Amino acid sequence: MRRVSAPAGYGGVGRTDPAVATRSGAVLGRTEDGVHVFRGVPYAMPPRGPLRFRPPRPVEPWTGVREAVEFGPTAAQPPFALPAGLDGFYPTVDGDGCLNLNVWTADLGRYAPPFRRT
């Protein structure tokens, strides 16, 4: 895994948000309570049109640094009740690009998918 530089002017004074390289491009996350968080990192093409009900295809690589600070779209599901105390634990985001990951890690120095060594 390789750390990359955050875009100039990102974040506030004293922010040290993590930016790392993935197979598809660099992503910029957040550090929350000492844990590095990357939300909505795409791992495959959205299942639209001819890709629907087919094996996932790799996501198209991107250039620059992609923000990964908000949850990505979730797969459509019928409404369901969460157990008491878990309200808000399962965020739902509309959209069909649901093939994405949310990653929490305390250590950016160790190799762990979906990040890679370079």
Protein backbone atom coordinates (compact mmCIF):
# COMPACT_ATOMS: atom_id res chain seq x y z
CA MET A 1 0.00 0.00 0.00
CA ARG A 2 1.22 3.47 -0.78
CA ARG A 3 0.09 6.68 0.85
CA VAL A 4 -0.57 9.51 -1.57
CA SER A 5 -0.93 13.24 -1.08
CA ALA A 6 -4.32 14.77 -0.40
CA PRO A 7 -5.44 17.48 -2.83
CA ALA A 8 -4.28 20.99 -1.95
CA GLY A 9 -6.79 22.83 0.19
CA TYR A 10 -8.66 19.73 1.31
CA GLY A 11 -9.92 19.63 4.89
CA GLY A 12 -9.34 22.14 7.61
CA VAL A 13 -6.31 23.41 9.47
CA GLY A 14 -4.47 20.52 11.09
CA ARG A 15 -6.40 17.81 9.23
CA THR A 16 -4.34 14.78 8.31
CA ASP A 17 -6.91 12.73 6.46
CA PRO A 18 -5.52 9.57 4.87
CA ALA A 19 -5.09 9.14 1.13
CA VAL A 20 -4.08 5.73 -0.22
CA ALA A 21 -3.68 4.03 -3.60
CA THR A 22 -6.04 1.26 -4.71
CA ARG A 23 -5.89 -0.85 -7.88
CA SER A 24 -8.24 1.63 -9.53
CA GLY A 25 -6.89 4.95 -8.25
CA ALA A 26 -6.22 6.98 -5.13
CA VAL A 27 -8.90 7.51 -2.46
CA LEU A 28 -9.10 10.07 0.30
CA GLY A 29 -10.77 9.04 3.55
CA ARG A 30 -11.17 10.50 7.01
CA THR A 31 -9.67 9.77 10.40
CA GLU A 32 -12.35 9.43 13.07
CA ASP A 33 -11.39 8.72 16.69
CA GLY A 34 -8.00 7.36 15.58
CA VAL A 35 -9.48 5.03 12.95
CA HIS A 36 -9.02 5.62 9.21
CA VAL A 37 -12.33 5.34 7.35
CA PHE A 38 -12.86 5.01 3.59
CA ARG A 39 -16.54 4.96 2.56
CA GLY A 40 -18.12 4.12 -0.78
CA VAL A 41 -14.96 2.84 -2.49
CA PRO A 42 -16.12 1.25 -5.77
CA TYR A 43 -14.82 -2.23 -6.55
CA ALA A 44 -16.84 -2.98 -9.69
CA MET A 45 -18.85 -1.28 -12.41
CA PRO A 46 -22.44 -0.41 -11.46
CA PRO A 47 -24.81 -3.24 -12.49
CA ARG A 48 -26.70 -1.24 -15.12
CA GLY A 49 -28.13 -2.40 -18.45
CA PRO A 50 -26.26 -5.42 -19.85
CA LEU A 51 -24.22 -5.75 -16.61
CA ARG A 52 -27.34 -6.42 -14.52
CA PHE A 53 -27.47 -10.02 -13.21
CA ARG A 54 -23.97 -10.68 -14.58
CA PRO A 55 -20.68 -11.22 -12.74
CA PRO A 56 -19.18 -7.88 -11.70
CA ARG A 57 -16.72 -6.16 -14.03
CA PRO A 58 -13.75 -4.23 -12.63
CA VAL A 59 -14.37 -0.56 -12.01
CA GLU A 60 -12.83 1.84 -14.52
CA PRO A 61 -9.61 3.34 -13.09
CA TRP A 62 -9.68 7.04 -12.27
CA THR A 63 -7.03 9.73 -12.16
CA GLY A 64 -6.48 12.12 -9.31
CA VAL A 65 -7.73 11.48 -5.77
CA ARG A 66 -11.33 10.36 -5.25
CA GLU A 67 -13.06 11.36 -2.02
CA ALA A 68 -14.23 8.35 0.00
CA VAL A 69 -15.93 10.11 2.90
CA GLU A 70 -19.62 9.23 2.37
CA PHE A 71 -21.40 5.89 2.15
CA GLY A 72 -21.99 4.74 -1.42
CA PRO A 73 -25.29 3.54 -2.87
CA THR A 74 -26.79 0.43 -1.30
CA ALA A 75 -28.57 -2.46 -3.00
CA ALA A 76 -32.35 -2.19 -3.06
CA GLN A 77 -33.98 -4.15 -0.24
CA PRO A 78 -37.46 -4.41 1.18
CA PRO A 79 -37.96 -2.38 4.37
CA PHE A 80 -36.93 -4.15 7.54
CA ALA A 81 -36.74 -3.27 11.21
CA LEU A 82 -33.41 -3.11 12.99
CA PRO A 83 -33.04 -4.36 16.55
CA ALA A 84 -33.39 -1.75 19.29
CA GLY A 85 -30.35 0.48 19.63
CA LEU A 86 -29.20 0.07 16.03
CA ASP A 87 -31.27 2.87 14.49
CA GLY A 88 -29.13 4.61 11.90
CA PHE A 89 -26.56 1.80 11.94
CA TYR A 90 -27.54 0.58 8.48
CA PRO A 91 -27.45 3.60 6.16
CA THR A 92 -29.33 3.33 2.89
CA VAL A 93 -28.27 5.45 -0.08
CA ASP A 94 -30.31 5.47 -3.29
CA GLY A 95 -28.56 4.64 -6.55
CA ASP A 96 -27.57 1.67 -8.65
CA GLY A 97 -23.81 1.87 -8.11
CA CYS A 98 -24.04 -0.43 -5.10
CA LEU A 99 -20.82 -2.37 -5.72
CA ASN A 100 -18.70 -0.44 -3.23
CA LEU A 101 -16.90 -1.06 0.05
CA ASN A 102 -16.62 0.73 3.36
CA VAL A 103 -13.26 0.18 5.07
CA TRP A 104 -12.20 0.94 8.64
CA THR A 105 -8.55 0.41 9.61
CA ALA A 106 -6.37 1.51 12.49
CA ASP A 107 -3.12 0.93 10.59
CA LEU A 108 -2.38 2.18 7.09
CA GLY A 109 1.05 0.58 7.21
CA ARG A 110 -0.20 -2.99 6.85
CA TYR A 111 -1.43 -4.58 3.66
CA ALA A 112 -5.15 -5.31 3.70
CA PRO A 113 -7.56 -5.54 0.76
CA PRO A 114 -8.81 -3.56 -1.05
CA PHE A 115 -5.62 -1.51 -0.75
CA ARG A 116 -2.43 -2.67 -2.38
CA ARG A 117 1.30 -2.40 -1.97
CA THR A 118 3.13 -0.52 -4.66
